[in-house]
Protein backbone atom coordinates (compact mmCIF):
# COMPACT_ATOMS: atom_id res chain seq x y z
CA UNK A 1 167.62 -71.06 -102.82
CA UNK A 2 171.02 -70.10 -101.53
CA UNK A 3 169.64 -67.90 -98.64
CA UNK A 4 167.88 -70.57 -97.32
CA UNK A 5 171.46 -72.89 -97.32
CA UNK A 6 173.10 -70.18 -95.20
CA UNK A 7 170.48 -70.31 -93.07
CA UNK A 8 170.67 -73.91 -92.67
CA UNK A 9 174.36 -73.68 -92.66
CA UNK A 10 174.32 -71.20 -90.08
CA UNK A 11 171.73 -72.63 -87.77
CA UNK A 12 174.17 -76.06 -88.01
CA UNK A 13 176.86 -73.89 -86.62
CA UNK A 14 174.93 -72.62 -83.93
CA UNK A 15 173.67 -76.15 -82.54
CA UNK A 16 177.26 -77.32 -82.94
CA UNK A 17 178.71 -74.40 -81.22
CA UNK A 18 175.54 -74.95 -78.23
CA UNK A 19 176.60 -78.48 -77.95
CA UNK A 20 180.23 -77.76 -77.44
CA UNK A 21 178.91 -75.61 -74.54
CA UNK A 22 177.18 -78.14 -73.03
CA UNK A 23 179.02 -80.74 -69.95
CA UNK A 24 178.63 -84.37 -71.88
CA UNK A 25 176.30 -86.78 -70.48
CA UNK A 26 177.68 -88.60 -67.69
CA UNK A 27 177.55 -92.45 -68.31
CA UNK A 28 175.15 -94.33 -66.50
CA UNK A 29 176.73 -95.67 -62.85
CA UNK A 30 176.49 -99.58 -63.29
CA UNK A 31 174.15 -101.35 -61.02
CA UNK A 32 176.05 -101.73 -57.73
CA UNK A 33 175.78 -105.83 -58.55
CA UNK A 34 177.57 -106.06 -61.07
CA UNK A 35 180.46 -107.91 -62.02
CA UNK A 36 182.78 -108.91 -64.56
CA UNK A 37 181.37 -112.34 -65.64
CA UNK A 38 184.39 -115.17 -65.99
CA UNK A 39 183.39 -116.98 -69.55
CA UNK A 40 184.17 -120.87 -68.50
CA UNK A 41 182.54 -120.67 -65.25
CA UNK A 42 179.10 -121.58 -65.03
CA UNK A 43 175.73 -120.18 -63.26
CA UNK A 44 176.20 -116.51 -62.57
CA UNK A 45 180.26 -116.88 -63.84
CA UNK A 46 181.40 -114.81 -60.66
CA UNK A 47 184.91 -115.38 -60.36
CA UNK A 48 185.55 -117.40 -56.99
CA UNK A 49 187.59 -116.25 -54.07
CA UNK A 50 190.16 -119.26 -54.11
CA UNK A 51 192.07 -118.10 -50.71
CA UNK A 52 188.62 -117.82 -48.76
CA UNK A 53 187.24 -120.98 -49.68
CA UNK A 54 190.68 -122.78 -49.21
CA UNK A 55 191.07 -121.64 -46.09
CA UNK A 56 187.27 -122.91 -45.05
CA UNK A 57 188.35 -126.12 -45.85
CA UNK A 58 191.62 -126.17 -44.50
CA UNK A 59 189.14 -124.79 -40.78
CA UNK A 60 187.21 -127.99 -41.59
CA UNK A 61 189.89 -130.00 -41.67
CA UNK A 62 191.13 -128.85 -38.30
CA UNK A 63 187.40 -129.79 -37.10
CA UNK A 64 187.48 -133.52 -38.37
CA UNK A 65 191.27 -134.21 -37.67
CA UNK A 66 191.08 -137.55 -39.45
CA UNK A 67 188.43 -138.47 -42.59
CA UNK A 68 186.76 -138.22 -45.38
CA UNK A 69 184.46 -135.38 -46.43
CA UNK A 70 181.95 -136.46 -49.29
CA UNK A 71 180.06 -133.56 -50.56
CA UNK A 72 177.36 -133.28 -53.45
CA UNK A 73 176.74 -130.20 -55.46
CA UNK A 74 172.96 -129.54 -56.46
CA UNK A 75 171.44 -130.62 -59.25
CA UNK A 76 169.22 -129.09 -62.04
CA UNK A 77 165.50 -128.55 -61.35
CA UNK A 78 163.17 -130.67 -63.75
CA UNK A 79 161.36 -128.19 -65.37
CA UNK A 80 158.25 -130.62 -66.08
CA UNK A 81 158.09 -131.85 -62.13
CA UNK A 82 159.61 -129.13 -59.47
CA UNK A 83 157.91 -125.67 -59.92
CA UNK A 84 160.77 -123.77 -61.10
CA UNK A 85 159.53 -119.80 -61.21
CA UNK A 86 163.12 -118.35 -60.54
CA UNK A 87 166.48 -119.78 -62.10
CA UNK A 88 165.88 -123.36 -62.80
CA UNK A 89 169.74 -123.99 -60.18
CA UNK A 90 171.17 -122.66 -57.34
CA UNK A 91 173.82 -124.40 -56.22
CA UNK A 92 173.50 -126.62 -52.20
CA UNK A 93 174.86 -123.99 -49.53
CA UNK A 94 177.41 -127.31 -48.34
CA UNK A 95 178.92 -127.08 -51.70
CA UNK A 96 178.85 -123.56 -52.33
CA UNK A 97 180.45 -122.76 -48.96
CA UNK A 98 183.43 -125.10 -49.80
CA UNK A 99 183.90 -123.93 -53.67
CA UNK A 100 181.86 -120.86 -54.19
CA UNK A 101 181.64 -123.15 -57.80
CA UNK A 102 178.13 -122.77 -59.05
CA UNK A 103 178.60 -126.65 -61.32
CA UNK A 104 176.16 -129.07 -61.39
CA UNK A 105 176.35 -132.50 -60.73
CA UNK A 106 179.70 -131.93 -59.56
CA UNK A 107 181.51 -133.61 -56.04
CA UNK A 108 184.12 -132.93 -53.30
CA UNK A 109 186.35 -134.89 -51.81
CA UNK A 110 188.42 -134.22 -48.44
CA UNK A 111 190.70 -136.63 -47.41
CA UNK A 112 191.73 -135.31 -43.51
CA UNK A 113 194.88 -136.52 -41.79
CA UNK A 114 196.71 -134.91 -39.35
CA UNK A 115 198.25 -132.01 -40.91
CA UNK A 116 197.70 -133.44 -44.25
CA UNK A 117 194.34 -132.56 -46.97
CA UNK A 118 193.76 -133.55 -49.92
CA UNK A 119 191.25 -132.00 -51.91
CA UNK A 120 189.55 -133.31 -55.03
CA UNK A 121 187.12 -131.82 -57.33
CA UNK A 122 184.71 -133.92 -59.55
CA UNK A 123 183.03 -132.49 -62.60
CA UNK A 124 180.64 -134.46 -65.06
CA UNK A 125 182.45 -134.81 -68.46
CA UNK A 126 181.77 -132.05 -70.79
CA UNK A 127 178.94 -132.85 -73.69
CA UNK A 128 178.76 -130.34 -76.25
CA UNK A 129 175.66 -131.30 -78.05
CA UNK A 130 174.14 -130.89 -74.43
CA UNK A 131 175.73 -127.64 -73.84
CA UNK A 132 173.56 -126.28 -76.72
CA UNK A 133 170.83 -126.41 -74.61
CA UNK A 134 172.23 -125.46 -71.04
CA UNK A 135 175.00 -123.33 -72.55
CA UNK A 136 179.01 -123.59 -71.41
CA UNK A 137 179.97 -126.28 -68.63
CA UNK A 138 183.11 -126.54 -66.79
CA UNK A 139 184.75 -129.78 -67.46
CA UNK A 140 187.27 -131.80 -65.31
CA UNK A 141 190.37 -130.21 -67.18
CA UNK A 142 193.15 -127.44 -66.31
CA UNK A 143 191.12 -124.66 -66.82
CA UNK A 144 188.72 -126.19 -63.87
CA UNK A 145 192.15 -126.40 -61.46
CA UNK A 146 192.70 -122.77 -62.46
CA UNK A 147 189.38 -121.30 -61.61
CA UNK A 148 188.90 -123.16 -58.78
CA UNK A 149 192.01 -123.36 -56.97
CA UNK A 150 191.84 -127.09 -56.85
CA UNK A 151 194.84 -128.91 -58.14
CA UNK A 152 193.00 -132.26 -58.54
CA UNK A 153 189.89 -132.20 -60.71
CA UNK A 154 188.65 -135.72 -62.17
CA UNK A 155 185.32 -136.79 -63.82
CA UNK A 156 182.82 -138.08 -61.89
CA UNK A 157 183.04 -140.94 -64.32
CA UNK A 158 186.17 -142.12 -61.00
CA UNK A 159 184.09 -140.97 -58.05
CA UNK A 160 183.32 -144.30 -56.94
CA UNK A 161 186.64 -145.95 -57.59
CA UNK A 162 188.73 -143.32 -55.84
CA UNK A 163 186.32 -143.24 -53.08
CA UNK A 164 186.03 -147.08 -52.60
CA UNK A 165 190.19 -146.88 -52.85
CA UNK A 166 190.40 -144.04 -50.26
CA UNK A 167 187.82 -146.03 -47.89
CA UNK A 168 189.82 -149.22 -48.41
CA UNK A 169 192.65 -147.69 -46.85
CA UNK A 170 191.05 -147.14 -43.70
CA UNK A 171 191.51 -143.37 -43.53
CA UNK A 172 188.81 -142.58 -40.50
CA UNK A 173 184.85 -141.85 -40.36
CA UNK A 174 182.74 -140.79 -43.29
CA UNK A 175 181.24 -137.54 -43.17
CA UNK A 176 178.42 -136.47 -45.29
CA UNK A 177 176.01 -133.52 -45.20
CA UNK A 178 172.88 -135.20 -44.43
CA UNK A 179 169.67 -132.99 -44.27
CA UNK A 180 166.34 -132.95 -46.26
CA UNK A 181 168.28 -131.62 -49.52
CA UNK A 182 170.32 -134.70 -50.03
CA UNK A 183 167.74 -136.79 -49.08
CA UNK A 184 167.53 -138.04 -52.15
CA UNK A 185 170.57 -138.55 -53.16
CA UNK A 186 171.18 -142.42 -54.12
CA UNK A 187 175.37 -142.24 -53.45
CA UNK A 188 174.86 -140.70 -50.10
CA UNK A 189 172.23 -142.95 -49.02
CA UNK A 190 174.18 -146.11 -50.00
CA UNK A 191 176.84 -144.91 -48.11
CA UNK A 192 174.91 -143.90 -44.86
CA UNK A 193 173.47 -147.13 -44.68
CA UNK A 194 176.23 -149.35 -45.72
CA UNK A 195 177.61 -150.06 -42.55
CA UNK A 196 180.64 -147.73 -42.21
CA UNK A 197 181.65 -145.22 -40.06
CA UNK A 198 179.01 -141.92 -41.20
CA UNK A 199 179.01 -138.71 -39.81
CA UNK A 200 176.39 -135.90 -40.32
CA UNK A 201 178.72 -133.09 -41.79
CA UNK A 202 176.24 -130.59 -41.09
CA UNK A 203 176.77 -129.40 -37.51
CA UNK A 204 180.38 -128.67 -38.16
CA UNK A 205 179.65 -126.61 -41.23
CA UNK A 206 176.64 -125.26 -39.45
CA UNK A 207 179.18 -123.64 -36.69
CA UNK A 208 181.48 -122.46 -39.33
CA UNK A 209 178.88 -120.49 -41.68
CA UNK A 210 177.94 -118.77 -38.40
CA UNK A 211 180.71 -116.84 -38.34
CA UNK A 212 181.58 -115.14 -41.55
CA UNK A 213 184.75 -114.26 -42.90
CA UNK A 214 185.17 -111.02 -45.23
CA UNK A 215 184.15 -112.44 -48.28
CA UNK A 216 180.68 -113.44 -46.86
CA UNK A 217 180.39 -110.01 -45.89
CA UNK A 218 180.73 -108.63 -48.79
CA UNK A 219 178.20 -110.54 -50.61
CA UNK A 220 175.73 -109.82 -48.11
CA UNK A 221 176.71 -105.88 -47.79
CA UNK A 222 175.51 -106.11 -52.03
CA UNK A 223 172.59 -107.70 -51.24
CA UNK A 224 171.62 -105.75 -48.74
CA UNK A 225 172.65 -102.37 -50.44
CA UNK A 226 170.79 -103.80 -53.60
CA UNK A 227 167.64 -104.47 -50.93
CA UNK A 228 167.57 -101.27 -49.24
CA UNK A 229 167.22 -99.77 -52.98
CA UNK A 230 164.37 -101.91 -53.62
CA UNK A 231 162.59 -100.97 -50.47
CA UNK A 232 163.22 -97.49 -51.46
CA UNK A 233 162.10 -98.33 -54.93
CA UNK A 234 158.64 -99.70 -53.18
CA UNK A 235 158.00 -96.67 -50.90
CA UNK A 236 158.48 -94.09 -53.97
CA UNK A 237 155.90 -96.24 -56.12
CA UNK A 238 153.32 -96.30 -53.19
CA UNK A 239 149.58 -95.02 -54.08
CA UNK A 240 146.39 -95.10 -52.03
CA UNK A 241 144.61 -97.63 -54.73
CA UNK A 242 147.46 -99.33 -55.57
CA UNK A 243 147.34 -102.97 -55.50
CA UNK A 244 149.79 -105.27 -52.87
CA UNK A 245 151.05 -106.84 -56.12
CA UNK A 246 152.17 -103.59 -57.70
CA UNK A 247 154.12 -102.19 -55.09
CA UNK A 248 155.75 -105.96 -54.89
CA UNK A 249 156.60 -105.59 -58.64
CA UNK A 250 158.35 -101.85 -57.80
CA UNK A 251 160.73 -103.42 -55.11
CA UNK A 252 160.94 -106.77 -56.99
CA UNK A 253 162.18 -104.83 -60.43
CA UNK A 254 164.88 -102.53 -58.29
CA UNK A 255 166.32 -105.91 -57.06
CA UNK A 256 167.17 -106.70 -60.33
CA UNK A 257 167.87 -103.83 -61.77
CA UNK A 258 170.81 -103.13 -59.46
CA UNK A 259 171.91 -106.78 -60.06
CA UNK A 260 170.11 -109.44 -57.44
CA UNK A 261 170.52 -113.02 -58.62
CA UNK A 262 166.74 -113.32 -57.13
CA UNK A 263 164.75 -112.84 -54.23
CA UNK A 264 166.09 -114.65 -51.28
CA UNK A 265 162.42 -116.04 -50.34
CA UNK A 266 159.18 -114.90 -51.28
CA UNK A 267 158.51 -111.29 -50.83
CA UNK A 268 155.30 -110.19 -47.78
CA UNK A 269 153.31 -106.76 -49.55
CA UNK A 270 150.84 -106.58 -46.45
CA UNK A 271 148.45 -103.09 -46.26
CA UNK A 272 145.82 -102.72 -43.80
CA UNK A 273 144.32 -105.82 -42.14
CA UNK A 274 147.57 -107.99 -43.94
CA UNK A 275 149.92 -105.82 -42.17
CA UNK A 276 149.18 -107.91 -39.28
CA UNK A 277 149.59 -111.04 -40.92
CA UNK A 278 153.31 -112.42 -40.13
CA UNK A 279 154.03 -114.29 -43.66
CA UNK A 280 150.95 -113.06 -45.55
CA UNK A 281 152.71 -113.48 -49.18
CA UNK A 282 149.69 -113.35 -51.79
CA UNK A 283 149.62 -109.36 -52.72
CA UNK A 284 146.45 -109.44 -53.86
CA UNK A 285 144.37 -106.82 -51.93
CA UNK A 286 143.89 -103.34 -53.19
CA UNK A 287 145.30 -100.42 -50.63
CA UNK A 288 143.42 -97.79 -49.21
CA UNK A 289 144.10 -94.34 -48.19
CA UNK A 290 145.19 -94.78 -44.33
CA UNK A 291 147.01 -97.81 -44.54
CA UNK A 292 149.92 -99.29 -43.35
CA UNK A 293 151.87 -101.48 -45.46
CA UNK A 294 154.55 -103.81 -44.30
CA UNK A 295 157.22 -104.83 -46.76
CA UNK A 296 159.22 -107.44 -46.22
CA UNK A 297 161.50 -108.50 -48.99
CA UNK A 298 165.25 -109.02 -49.54
CA UNK A 299 167.18 -109.78 -52.51
CA UNK A 300 170.02 -112.56 -53.17
CA UNK A 301 173.50 -111.96 -54.36
CA UNK A 302 176.35 -114.27 -54.63
CA UNK A 303 174.36 -117.01 -52.57
CA UNK A 304 173.82 -114.60 -49.87
CA UNK A 305 170.04 -112.87 -48.79
CA UNK A 306 169.45 -109.88 -47.34
CA UNK A 307 166.11 -109.80 -45.00
CA UNK A 308 164.99 -106.49 -44.71
CA UNK A 309 161.33 -105.12 -43.13
CA UNK A 310 159.96 -101.84 -43.68
CA UNK A 311 156.81 -100.25 -42.52
CA UNK A 312 155.14 -96.90 -44.34
CA UNK A 313 151.80 -95.21 -45.01
CA UNK A 314 150.42 -95.90 -48.27
CA UNK A 315 149.68 -91.94 -48.79
CA UNK A 316 153.13 -91.16 -47.42
CA UNK A 317 151.82 -89.68 -44.03
CA UNK A 318 151.90 -91.60 -40.62
CA UNK A 319 148.72 -90.32 -38.28
CA UNK A 320 149.71 -89.81 -34.91
CA UNK A 321 148.38 -93.36 -33.64
CA UNK A 322 150.28 -94.87 -36.57
CA UNK A 323 153.34 -93.10 -35.29
CA UNK A 324 153.31 -93.75 -31.39
CA UNK A 325 152.90 -97.57 -32.65
CA UNK A 326 156.12 -96.77 -35.22
CA UNK A 327 158.14 -95.06 -33.10
CA UNK A 328 157.81 -97.23 -30.15
CA UNK A 329 158.78 -100.47 -32.29
CA UNK A 330 161.59 -98.20 -33.53
CA UNK A 331 163.14 -97.63 -29.95
CA UNK A 332 162.44 -101.43 -28.69
CA UNK A 333 164.52 -102.14 -31.55
CA UNK A 334 167.36 -99.83 -30.89
CA UNK A 335 167.26 -100.95 -27.18
CA UNK A 336 168.44 -104.35 -28.78
CA UNK A 337 171.16 -103.16 -31.05
CA UNK A 338 172.58 -101.30 -28.28
CA UNK A 339 172.91 -104.33 -26.21
CA UNK A 340 174.25 -106.42 -29.30
CA UNK A 341 178.03 -107.15 -28.87
CA UNK A 342 180.40 -110.10 -28.67
CA UNK A 343 179.43 -112.48 -25.38
CA UNK A 344 175.19 -111.59 -25.78
CA UNK A 345 172.78 -114.10 -26.79
CA UNK A 346 170.18 -114.20 -28.81
CA UNK A 347 167.74 -114.71 -26.20
CA UNK A 348 169.17 -111.57 -24.18
CA UNK A 349 168.67 -109.59 -26.96
CA UNK A 350 164.86 -110.65 -27.42
CA UNK A 351 164.73 -109.83 -23.51
CA UNK A 352 165.98 -106.31 -24.15
CA UNK A 353 163.53 -105.55 -26.56
CA UNK A 354 160.31 -107.42 -25.24
CA UNK A 355 161.11 -105.32 -22.11
CA UNK A 356 161.78 -102.01 -23.88
CA UNK A 357 158.02 -102.36 -25.12
CA UNK A 358 156.56 -103.14 -22.07
CA UNK A 359 158.28 -100.21 -20.25
CA UNK A 360 157.56 -97.95 -22.48
CA UNK A 361 153.80 -99.18 -23.86
CA UNK A 362 151.72 -96.66 -21.50
CA UNK A 363 148.19 -97.27 -22.61
CA UNK A 364 149.17 -97.41 -26.39
CA UNK A 365 148.07 -100.83 -26.55
CA UNK A 366 145.17 -100.65 -24.13
CA UNK A 367 144.91 -102.76 -21.01
CA UNK A 368 147.83 -105.16 -22.20
CA UNK A 369 151.27 -103.64 -22.30
CA UNK A 370 152.91 -103.68 -25.98
CA UNK A 371 154.74 -106.28 -25.74
CA UNK A 372 151.92 -108.58 -25.80
CA UNK A 373 151.04 -107.73 -29.41
CA UNK A 374 154.99 -108.68 -30.00
CA UNK A 375 154.24 -112.54 -31.44
CA UNK A 376 157.43 -113.58 -33.11
CA UNK A 377 160.49 -113.79 -31.94
CA UNK A 378 163.35 -110.93 -32.39
CA UNK A 379 165.85 -112.10 -34.57
CA UNK A 380 167.52 -115.03 -36.80
CA UNK A 381 170.47 -115.51 -38.23
CA UNK A 382 171.19 -114.41 -41.43
CA UNK A 383 173.83 -116.02 -44.38
CA UNK A 384 173.34 -118.29 -47.43
CA UNK A 385 169.46 -118.80 -46.32
CA UNK A 386 167.49 -116.15 -44.83
CA UNK A 387 166.66 -118.24 -41.49
CA UNK A 388 170.51 -119.57 -41.76
CA UNK A 389 171.97 -122.09 -39.96
CA UNK A 390 173.65 -122.24 -36.19
CA UNK A 391 172.83 -122.89 -32.22
CA UNK A 392 170.73 -119.83 -31.02
CA UNK A 393 172.49 -120.63 -27.50
CA UNK A 394 175.77 -119.40 -29.57
CA UNK A 395 177.10 -116.70 -27.72
CA UNK A 396 177.51 -113.86 -30.52
CA UNK A 397 181.47 -113.26 -31.65
CA UNK A 398 182.39 -110.67 -34.16
CA UNK A 399 181.34 -111.87 -37.64
CA UNK A 400 178.15 -113.22 -37.28
CA UNK A 401 175.48 -111.28 -38.81
CA UNK A 402 171.44 -111.30 -37.17
CA UNK A 403 168.20 -109.43 -37.98
CA UNK A 404 166.59 -107.55 -35.15
CA UNK A 405 162.96 -107.44 -36.03
CA UNK A 406 160.43 -106.61 -33.44
CA UNK A 407 156.83 -105.74 -34.10
CA UNK A 408 153.55 -105.09 -32.83
CA UNK A 409 150.37 -106.97 -34.67
CA UNK A 410 146.70 -104.85 -33.83
CA UNK A 411 144.42 -107.28 -35.36
CA UNK A 412 141.39 -105.06 -34.24
CA UNK A 413 142.85 -102.32 -35.82
CA UNK A 414 144.07 -103.75 -39.20
CA UNK A 415 147.52 -102.31 -37.52
CA UNK A 416 150.92 -104.33 -37.69
CA UNK A 417 153.89 -102.70 -37.67
CA UNK A 418 157.26 -104.73 -38.35
CA UNK A 419 160.84 -103.01 -38.82
CA UNK A 420 163.71 -105.51 -39.35
CA UNK A 421 167.18 -104.75 -40.12
CA UNK A 422 170.29 -106.91 -41.06
CA UNK A 423 173.25 -106.30 -38.27
CA UNK A 424 176.90 -107.77 -38.27
CA UNK A 425 178.39 -107.74 -35.04
CA UNK A 426 181.73 -106.10 -34.13
CA UNK A 427 184.35 -106.46 -32.06
CA UNK A 428 183.15 -102.93 -30.54
CA UNK A 429 179.46 -103.71 -30.94
CA UNK A 430 177.54 -103.99 -34.10
CA UNK A 431 176.91 -102.28 -37.50
CA UNK A 432 173.95 -101.27 -39.19
CA UNK A 433 174.40 -103.11 -42.68
CA UNK A 434 170.82 -102.24 -43.99
CA UNK A 435 170.84 -98.53 -42.77
CA UNK A 436 170.39 -97.40 -46.30
CA UNK A 437 166.75 -98.10 -46.19
CA UNK A 438 165.14 -95.07 -44.67
CA UNK A 439 163.35 -96.13 -41.22
CA UNK A 440 162.35 -93.41 -38.81
CA UNK A 441 159.05 -91.79 -39.88
CA UNK A 442 160.48 -88.42 -41.02
CA UNK A 443 163.34 -89.79 -43.27
CA UNK A 444 159.97 -92.24 -44.75
CA UNK A 445 157.39 -88.98 -44.94
CA UNK A 446 160.39 -86.62 -46.46
CA UNK A 447 161.59 -89.61 -49.62
CA UNK A 448 157.29 -90.69 -49.96
CA UNK A 449 156.67 -86.51 -50.22
CA UNK A 450 159.27 -86.27 -53.06
CA UNK A 451 157.53 -88.96 -55.30
């Protein structure tokens, strides 16, 4: 008995010594999309960049000159009526742009007169019994004023009285965001048809949103970095015989694992013949050995979305034919990127990509040059919407973010290639924001061989 005890004690001592000699486990790094929530804030609980939103409101006031601006927040979607496959609330873009507040049923009132700007936030009064279902809401009190940076916060019960008094003072035109998202807003509809001088706010806001400030660019970088990890996960998971929805699941799981709020748009995972359908989003085909897979997927973070597309061989190895088409698409994209700088236009970049493709096609696409199979535009703006607002005739300026996405789609060969990256226009030219997603055939094959 004693000898057994000695053996046990010695073994325990040896174990302790060995454990002391081993390095302590390194704690896992937090997801790149992690943040510290503010408990009092609704929605994601993200802290508001009060300086950035105040600057946006001042810029808007300078555009308006004199007038009244009224912007509604979004409403919670009705789960008995609407199709709610993700979060049942996403803030309206105009309201978020000017407040970064994820409160439902709120209103923002700006009264602009010369150099003066009065800002009033209206929030629904809190209802503790309802918060048992919805979670904590931000009420019209000093906490809301502190967290939003808006000094005057009132209950929505007083909105009509405050607005009526303001308009009776002859404060100037009334600016409302008039679009599809606000068509069911009864208060806006009544104001729009009430005989007043009503003007659409959206053209002004849209032009402002074209050039991103530092806070917006930081949010986009986060969404794009998360998206790159999702594309890597999709490539590493892919095997011949997998269903498209399995690859989609791997991509979107990585989005969530790294802190994405939601997908920025329905993911596209098209293999073989489906790689030639631009907006194929059913993801129901089983992949086959030799297929190319087009994955067009982007994560949303902080209400800003990425838009990244990668094309890869499901078996991890490009054929010589696939590589030739792929390399032509990639080179056309690079040619457009090299021409991206302040003063250029989206139309000019589109022309550069097509001319490059035409000049370097050789006999790759038969009797036609390959630009004949580049059947969509090269680029679109990116921001809070995946196809963000803004006039495409506008010359590029530093701070604009756009996609570059050439493609070739050969339906007779079930061979489609699209490469899409997100690009920031800088004072000196441009920056690849989505460079962390492997893009060359060498990089993709190297990544996939390590699966």
